[in-house]
Amino acid sequence: MDPFEKPQFNGRVFENPRSFSNWKGLPGLRELFRWKFVERNESHLPSQTVLDHSLPVVTPQFDLKSKLSATWLGHATLFVHLEGINFITDPVWASRASPFSCVGPVRYRPPPCEIDNLPALNFGVISHNHYDHLDADAVSTLSAKFPDMEWFVPKGLSDWMRRHVSNNVIHEMTWGESVTLALNDGKYQIWCVPAQHWSSRNLFDKNKSLWSGWAIIGNERKFYFAGDTGFCETEFAKIGNNLGPFDLAAIPIGAYAPRWFMKSQHIDPEEAVKIHKLVKAVTTIGIHWGTYKMGSTESYLEPRSKLRQGVEKLRLSSTSVITLGHGETWVEDPTSRYSSVSSISSTTT
């Protein structure tokens, strides 16, 4: 196994490794001003009627019988069923991805179900502490509803988690570490893997906790969750070579424009397709789009159309890299490797 790169840590804060050549640091005040007041903004939302047509939300039909299925609950939140176990990624139900109720990224597509409607969960994985990926109320509610549920979080985040959960087990990990869970007569490896990003929940905690992706390795099926990331080709190749191929991957495709501002921290749809190939995924679901008004300048439907263009450019199958509707469930078909159990087509424009 080719060892994963390790994050830099000076005893107080984490940084992306120097080998991440695409990491240019976060923009300064001048760049922030240009982004907010000069850059052309195409992110304006249409009427509710148009949203209901272009991004419909349906009640999930969770599949618990197949070897592998995944239900998109919005943004980076997926309910995944893998070989008899259930887990959730970056659970967020908040109406705003913000510490404030009146300002911050607003949710313009509602959650397709309440937490009370979820099937039992064995564990959850958290990629980092940004508000659109870590929802305190959701974490607390899930932990109370499923007291045997375990949590997997990056280094530096366990103290925050302990303040928001009851007695649930919390695994705090860094890149390249793994934990093996024995569940339902099977063994499942949960790997913490590299991502190119940063962390913060307030003005005083920048990069005091790590960020990561996650790989879940079952007896026959494998799942990869990229979290939030810029493009670090070498590490994605290592993920594919060391832990792949993956039967299913979840890779972000939104909040990428303008590129001069977002490139270090957020991949675009074309880069998502490249990562799909690097991690050796059979099927990839595009996530991190169509849910919150994140402040990026692309049109709200552009991530989906750009993703299709990226698939066509690399001459991949139209079912290899897809998007789901809110509440829609992807189910692995051993013959075609893709089918949908809800009535929404993932090719709606």
Protein backbone atom coordinates (compact mmCIF):
# COMPACT_ATOMS: atom_id res chain seq x y z
CA MET A 1 0.00 0.00 0.00
CA ASP A 2 1.32 3.43 -0.98
CA PRO A 3 1.04 5.46 2.27
CA PHE A 4 -1.40 8.35 2.30
CA GLU A 5 0.00 11.83 2.83
CA LYS A 6 -0.40 13.22 6.36
CA PRO A 7 -1.76 16.68 7.17
CA GLN A 8 0.57 19.26 8.63
CA PHE A 9 -0.06 19.94 12.34
CA ASN A 10 1.89 22.39 14.49
CA GLY A 11 0.26 21.38 17.77
CA ARG A 12 -2.52 23.92 17.34
CA VAL A 13 -3.88 23.92 13.78
CA PHE A 14 -3.94 21.62 10.76
CA GLU A 15 -2.84 22.54 7.24
CA ASN A 16 -2.95 20.79 3.90
CA PRO A 17 0.38 19.10 3.06
CA ARG A 18 2.90 21.01 0.97
CA SER A 19 2.62 18.23 -1.60
CA PHE A 20 -0.93 19.42 -2.39
CA SER A 21 0.27 21.64 -5.21
CA ASN A 22 -3.25 22.79 -6.09
CA TRP A 23 -3.75 24.25 -2.60
CA LYS A 24 -3.10 28.00 -2.81
CA GLY A 25 -4.54 28.91 0.57
CA LEU A 26 -7.76 30.75 1.30
CA PRO A 27 -8.58 34.03 -0.50
CA GLY A 28 -7.82 37.32 1.23
CA LEU A 29 -9.99 40.40 1.77
CA ARG A 30 -9.33 41.78 -1.72
CA GLU A 31 -10.45 38.50 -3.29
CA LEU A 32 -13.51 38.38 -1.01
CA PHE A 33 -14.52 41.88 -2.14
CA ARG A 34 -14.12 40.95 -5.80
CA TRP A 35 -16.12 37.74 -5.28
CA LYS A 36 -19.01 39.48 -3.55
CA PHE A 37 -19.23 42.79 -5.39
CA VAL A 38 -17.53 42.48 -8.80
CA GLU A 39 -17.92 38.92 -10.02
CA ARG A 40 -20.94 38.18 -12.22
CA ASN A 41 -23.47 36.21 -10.20
CA GLU A 42 -25.71 33.67 -11.93
CA SER A 43 -26.89 31.91 -8.77
CA HIS A 44 -30.28 33.64 -8.48
CA LEU A 45 -33.07 31.19 -7.71
CA PRO A 46 -36.31 30.94 -9.70
CA SER A 47 -39.84 30.80 -8.29
CA GLN A 48 -40.97 28.01 -6.00
CA THR A 49 -43.04 26.56 -8.86
CA VAL A 50 -39.97 26.32 -11.09
CA LEU A 51 -37.91 24.83 -8.27
CA ASP A 52 -40.57 22.20 -7.61
CA HIS A 53 -40.36 21.19 -11.27
CA SER A 54 -36.59 21.35 -11.77
CA LEU A 55 -35.58 19.97 -8.37
CA PRO A 56 -38.55 17.94 -7.09
CA VAL A 57 -38.46 16.42 -3.63
CA VAL A 58 -40.02 13.01 -2.98
CA THR A 59 -40.51 10.90 0.11
CA PRO A 60 -37.63 8.39 0.18
CA GLN A 61 -38.17 4.73 -0.53
CA PHE A 62 -35.23 3.33 1.42
CA ASP A 63 -33.89 0.08 0.02
CA LEU A 64 -32.69 -2.32 2.74
CA LYS A 65 -32.64 -5.54 0.73
CA SER A 66 -29.94 -5.12 -1.91
CA LYS A 67 -26.19 -5.40 -1.38
CA LEU A 68 -25.77 -1.65 -1.88
CA SER A 69 -28.10 1.35 -2.12
CA ALA A 70 -27.95 5.07 -1.39
CA THR A 71 -30.64 7.72 -0.85
CA TRP A 72 -29.82 11.39 -1.40
CA LEU A 73 -31.24 13.52 1.41
CA GLY A 74 -29.82 16.77 0.05
CA HIS A 75 -26.40 18.45 -0.17
CA ALA A 76 -23.76 16.01 1.20
CA THR A 77 -26.19 13.86 3.17
CA LEU A 78 -26.63 10.29 1.98
CA PHE A 79 -28.31 7.35 3.67
CA VAL A 80 -26.31 4.30 2.58
CA HIS A 81 -27.23 0.63 2.93
CA LEU A 82 -24.24 -1.68 2.45
CA GLU A 83 -24.37 -5.44 3.00
CA GLY A 84 -26.92 -5.28 5.79
CA ILE A 85 -25.66 -2.19 7.63
CA ASN A 86 -26.86 1.43 7.43
CA PHE A 87 -24.85 4.62 7.76
CA ILE A 88 -25.20 8.32 7.00
CA THR A 89 -22.79 10.94 5.61
CA ASP A 90 -22.59 14.55 6.83
CA PRO A 91 -26.16 14.68 8.21
CA VAL A 92 -27.61 18.20 7.83
CA TRP A 93 -31.29 19.13 8.20
CA ALA A 94 -30.87 22.82 9.09
CA SER A 95 -32.80 25.53 7.25
CA ARG A 96 -29.60 27.59 7.19
CA ALA A 97 -26.00 26.35 7.08
CA SER A 98 -25.01 28.96 9.62
CA PRO A 99 -24.74 29.61 13.37
CA PHE A 100 -27.47 32.24 12.89
CA SER A 101 -31.14 31.77 12.04
CA CYS A 102 -31.44 34.93 9.92
CA VAL A 103 -28.22 35.02 7.87
CA GLY A 104 -26.04 32.49 6.08
CA PRO A 105 -26.64 29.93 3.30
CA VAL A 106 -30.37 29.24 3.12
CA ARG A 107 -31.79 25.83 2.29
CA TYR A 108 -34.02 26.17 -0.78
CA ARG A 109 -34.90 22.46 -1.15
CA PRO A 110 -36.37 20.91 2.03
CA PRO A 111 -35.19 17.62 3.50
CA PRO A 112 -37.13 14.77 1.86
CA CYS A 113 -37.85 13.20 5.25
CA GLU A 114 -37.50 13.81 8.95
CA ILE A 115 -34.88 12.07 11.07
CA ASP A 116 -37.69 10.09 12.72
CA ASN A 117 -38.41 8.49 9.33
CA LEU A 118 -34.90 7.08 8.89
CA PRO A 119 -34.24 3.35 9.24
CA ALA A 120 -31.91 2.35 12.08
CA LEU A 121 -28.34 3.57 11.65
CA ASN A 122 -25.16 1.75 12.63
CA PHE A 123 -22.84 4.74 12.26
CA GLY A 124 -22.28 8.16 10.72
CA VAL A 125 -19.24 9.77 9.08
CA ILE A 126 -18.42 13.49 9.25
CA SER A 127 -16.06 15.06 6.71
CA HIS A 128 -15.41 18.36 8.52
CA ASN A 129 -17.04 20.96 10.73
CA HIS A 130 -18.45 23.52 8.25
CA TYR A 131 -22.12 24.21 8.91
CA ASP A 132 -23.29 22.72 5.62
CA HIS A 133 -21.67 19.41 6.65
CA LEU A 134 -22.11 19.34 10.43
CA ASP A 135 -25.51 20.19 11.91
CA ALA A 136 -25.53 20.19 15.72
CA ASP A 137 -29.27 19.57 16.02
CA ALA A 138 -29.16 16.70 13.52
CA VAL A 139 -26.21 15.05 15.26
CA SER A 140 -27.92 15.34 18.65
CA THR A 141 -31.25 14.03 17.36
CA LEU A 142 -29.67 11.11 15.51
CA SER A 143 -27.58 10.14 18.53
CA ALA A 144 -30.59 10.19 20.84
CA LYS A 145 -32.74 8.20 18.39
CA PHE A 146 -30.02 5.62 17.72
CA PRO A 147 -28.03 5.24 20.97
CA ASP A 148 -25.94 2.38 19.55
CA MET A 149 -24.93 4.45 16.54
CA GLU A 150 -21.20 5.23 16.34
CA TRP A 151 -19.57 8.33 14.86
CA PHE A 152 -16.40 8.69 12.78
CA VAL A 153 -14.87 12.16 12.73
CA PRO A 154 -11.55 13.77 11.73
CA LYS A 155 -8.93 14.69 14.32
CA GLY A 156 -9.82 17.58 16.58
CA LEU A 157 -13.59 17.14 16.34
CA SER A 158 -14.32 14.65 19.12
CA ASP A 159 -14.64 17.29 21.87
CA TRP A 160 -17.30 19.13 19.86
CA MET A 161 -19.09 15.86 19.17
CA ARG A 162 -19.05 14.86 22.82
CA ARG A 163 -20.87 18.09 23.70
CA HIS A 164 -23.67 17.23 21.26
CA VAL A 165 -24.18 13.49 21.66
CA SER A 166 -25.10 11.31 24.60
CA ASN A 167 -23.08 8.16 25.16
CA ASN A 168 -22.47 7.21 21.54
CA VAL A 169 -19.03 5.89 20.65
CA ILE A 170 -16.91 8.48 18.80
CA HIS A 171 -13.88 7.51 16.71
CA GLU A 172 -11.51 10.41 16.02
CA MET A 173 -9.11 9.63 13.17
CA THR A 174 -6.50 11.08 10.84
CA TRP A 175 -5.74 10.25 7.22
CA GLY A 176 -4.64 6.68 6.66
CA GLU A 177 -6.18 5.31 9.87
CA SER A 178 -8.90 2.67 9.90
CA VAL A 179 -11.26 1.02 12.35
CA THR A 180 -12.88 -2.38 11.88
CA LEU A 181 -16.46 -2.80 13.11
CA ALA A 182 -18.06 -6.19 13.66
CA LEU A 183 -21.74 -5.81 12.76
CA ASN A 184 -24.42 -8.34 11.80
CA ASP A 185 -21.92 -11.21 11.53
CA GLY A 186 -19.77 -9.17 9.15
CA LYS A 187 -16.67 -7.00 9.43
CA TYR A 188 -16.50 -3.50 7.97
CA GLN A 189 -13.44 -1.28 7.66
CA ILE A 190 -13.92 2.47 7.98
CA TRP A 191 -10.98 4.40 6.56
CA CYS A 192 -10.21 8.09 7.06
CA VAL A 193 -8.70 9.34 3.79
CA PRO A 194 -7.20 12.64 2.58
CA ALA A 195 -9.16 15.62 1.27
CA GLN A 196 -8.02 19.13 0.34
CA HIS A 197 -10.02 21.62 2.35
CA TRP A 198 -10.11 23.55 5.65
CA SER A 199 -12.29 23.87 8.75
CA SER A 200 -13.98 26.52 10.89
CA ARG A 201 -17.23 27.14 12.78
CA ASN A 202 -16.38 30.56 14.21
CA LEU A 203 -13.78 33.33 14.06
CA PHE A 204 -11.45 31.60 16.51
CA ASP A 205 -11.24 27.94 15.51
CA LYS A 206 -9.91 28.01 11.94
CA ASN A 207 -8.27 24.66 11.09
CA LYS A 208 -8.25 23.46 14.70
CA SER A 209 -9.96 20.29 13.48
CA LEU A 210 -9.09 18.22 10.42
CA TRP A 211 -11.09 17.51 7.24
CA SER A 212 -11.26 14.18 5.42
CA GLY A 213 -13.00 11.77 3.10
CA TRP A 214 -14.14 8.30 4.15
CA ALA A 215 -14.01 4.81 2.65
CA ILE A 216 -16.26 2.02 3.91
CA ILE A 217 -15.06 -1.46 2.98
CA GLY A 218 -17.47 -4.37 3.36
CA ASN A 219 -17.00 -8.03 2.61
CA GLU A 220 -18.05 -7.60 -1.03
CA ARG A 221 -18.95 -3.92 -1.54
CA LYS A 222 -17.00 -0.68 -1.15
CA PHE A 223 -18.18 2.92 -0.78
CA TYR A 224 -16.18 6.16 -1.00
CA PHE A 225 -17.32 9.55 0.33
CA ALA A 226 -15.15 12.45 -0.78
CA GLY A 227 -16.57 15.02 1.66
CA ASP A 228 -15.58 18.55 0.61
CA THR A 229 -12.37 18.88 -1.37
CA GLY A 230 -10.20 20.55 -3.94
CA PHE A 231 -8.38 18.47 -6.53
CA CYS A 232 -5.31 16.58 -5.23
CA GLU A 233 -4.69 14.04 -7.95
CA THR A 234 -1.96 12.00 -6.23
CA GLU A 235 -4.04 11.27 -3.13
CA PHE A 236 -7.17 10.38 -5.11
CA ALA A 237 -5.07 7.93 -7.11
CA LYS A 238 -3.80 6.43 -3.85
CA ILE A 239 -7.37 6.05 -2.59
CA GLY A 240 -8.25 4.13 -5.74
CA ASN A 241 -5.10 2.02 -5.75
CA ASN A 242 -5.03 1.29 -2.01
CA LEU A 243 -8.72 0.80 -1.25
CA GLY A 244 -10.59 0.61 -4.57
CA PRO A 245 -12.17 -0.18 -6.84
CA PHE A 246 -15.34 1.25 -5.29
CA ASP A 247 -18.81 0.04 -6.16
CA LEU A 248 -20.22 3.47 -5.30
CA ALA A 249 -18.72 6.89 -4.68
CA ALA A 250 -20.24 10.20 -3.56
CA ILE A 251 -18.29 13.17 -4.91
CA PRO A 252 -19.14 16.92 -4.64
CA ILE A 253 -20.05 18.83 -7.80
CA GLY A 254 -21.33 22.22 -6.57
CA ALA A 255 -20.13 25.54 -5.07
CA TYR A 256 -17.24 25.83 -7.53
CA ALA A 257 -17.61 29.24 -9.22
CA PRO A 258 -15.79 31.43 -9.77
CA ARG A 259 -12.85 29.07 -10.25
CA TRP A 260 -10.20 31.64 -9.31
CA PHE A 261 -11.86 31.86 -5.89
CA MET A 262 -13.08 28.31 -5.26
CA LYS A 263 -10.56 26.06 -7.01
CA SER A 264 -8.36 25.27 -4.00
CA GLN A 265 -11.24 24.21 -1.79
CA HIS A 266 -14.00 22.94 -4.13
CA ILE A 267 -13.71 20.75 -7.22
CA ASP A 268 -15.91 21.44 -10.22
CA PRO A 269 -18.02 18.82 -12.05
CA GLU A 270 -15.30 18.01 -14.59
CA GLU A 271 -12.82 17.37 -11.78
CA ALA A 272 -15.44 15.20 -10.05
CA VAL A 273 -15.52 12.96 -13.13
CA LYS A 274 -11.72 12.74 -13.04
CA ILE A 275 -11.89 11.69 -9.39
CA HIS A 276 -14.49 9.07 -10.30
CA LYS A 277 -11.85 7.52 -12.56
CA LEU A 278 -8.94 7.99 -10.14
CA VAL A 279 -10.70 6.22 -7.26
CA LYS A 280 -11.86 3.49 -9.67
CA ALA A 281 -15.57 3.87 -8.94
CA VAL A 282 -18.16 1.82 -10.80
CA THR A 283 -20.86 4.42 -10.09
CA THR A 284 -20.55 7.93 -8.69
CA ILE A 285 -23.35 10.11 -7.30
CA GLY A 286 -22.78 13.86 -7.57
CA ILE A 287 -23.53 15.57 -4.25
CA HIS A 288 -23.06 19.01 -2.63
CA TRP A 289 -25.38 20.89 -4.99
CA GLY A 290 -29.01 21.89 -5.47
CA THR A 291 -29.83 22.31 -1.78
CA TYR A 292 -28.23 25.37 -0.14
CA LYS A 293 -27.53 28.79 -1.65
CA MET A 294 -23.83 28.57 -0.86
CA GLY A 295 -22.63 31.92 -2.19
CA SER A 296 -20.89 30.54 -5.27
CA THR A 297 -21.83 32.18 -8.56
CA GLU A 298 -22.83 29.28 -10.81
CA SER A 299 -26.48 28.75 -11.77
CA TYR A 300 -28.28 26.37 -9.42
CA LEU A 301 -28.69 23.71 -12.16
CA GLU A 302 -25.28 24.17 -13.78
CA PRO A 303 -23.53 21.48 -11.67
CA ARG A 304 -25.82 18.82 -13.11
CA SER A 305 -25.38 19.91 -16.73
CA LYS A 306 -21.62 20.38 -16.35
CA LEU A 307 -21.37 16.90 -14.84
CA ARG A 308 -23.02 15.39 -17.91
CA GLN A 309 -20.62 17.31 -20.13
CA GLY A 310 -17.70 15.92 -18.14
CA VAL A 311 -19.02 12.39 -18.55
CA GLU A 312 -19.43 12.86 -22.29
CA LYS A 313 -15.98 14.42 -22.62
CA LEU A 314 -14.34 11.33 -21.14
CA ARG A 315 -16.71 9.05 -23.06
CA LEU A 316 -18.04 7.32 -19.96
CA SER A 317 -21.36 5.54 -19.63
CA SER A 318 -24.25 7.89 -18.85
CA THR A 319 -25.06 5.73 -15.81
CA SER A 320 -21.54 5.75 -14.39
CA VAL A 321 -21.61 9.30 -12.99
CA ILE A 322 -25.09 10.50 -12.08
CA THR A 323 -27.18 12.81 -9.96
CA LEU A 324 -30.25 11.91 -7.93
CA GLY A 325 -33.38 13.84 -7.10
CA HIS A 326 -33.95 14.82 -3.47
CA GLY A 327 -35.25 11.67 -1.78
CA GLU A 328 -34.35 9.44 -4.72
CA THR A 329 -32.66 6.09 -4.09
CA TRP A 330 -29.97 4.49 -6.21
CA VAL A 331 -29.96 0.69 -6.02
CA GLU A 332 -27.16 -1.49 -7.32
CA ASP A 333 -28.33 -3.88 -10.00
CA PRO A 334 -25.89 -6.81 -10.39
CA THR A 335 -26.63 -6.86 -14.13
CA SER A 336 -26.77 -3.18 -15.11
CA ARG A 337 -25.13 -1.78 -11.92
CA TYR A 338 -27.73 0.99 -11.78
CA SER A 339 -31.45 1.34 -11.28
CA SER A 340 -33.72 3.83 -9.59
CA VAL A 341 -36.54 2.95 -7.23
CA SER A 342 -38.22 6.35 -7.20
CA SER A 343 -40.24 8.01 -9.90
CA ILE A 344 -37.83 10.91 -10.48
CA SER A 345 -35.42 10.65 -13.38
CA SER A 346 -31.85 11.70 -12.62
CA THR A 347 -31.69 13.17 -16.12
CA THR A 348 -34.33 15.86 -15.56
CA THR A 349 -33.12 19.20 -16.88
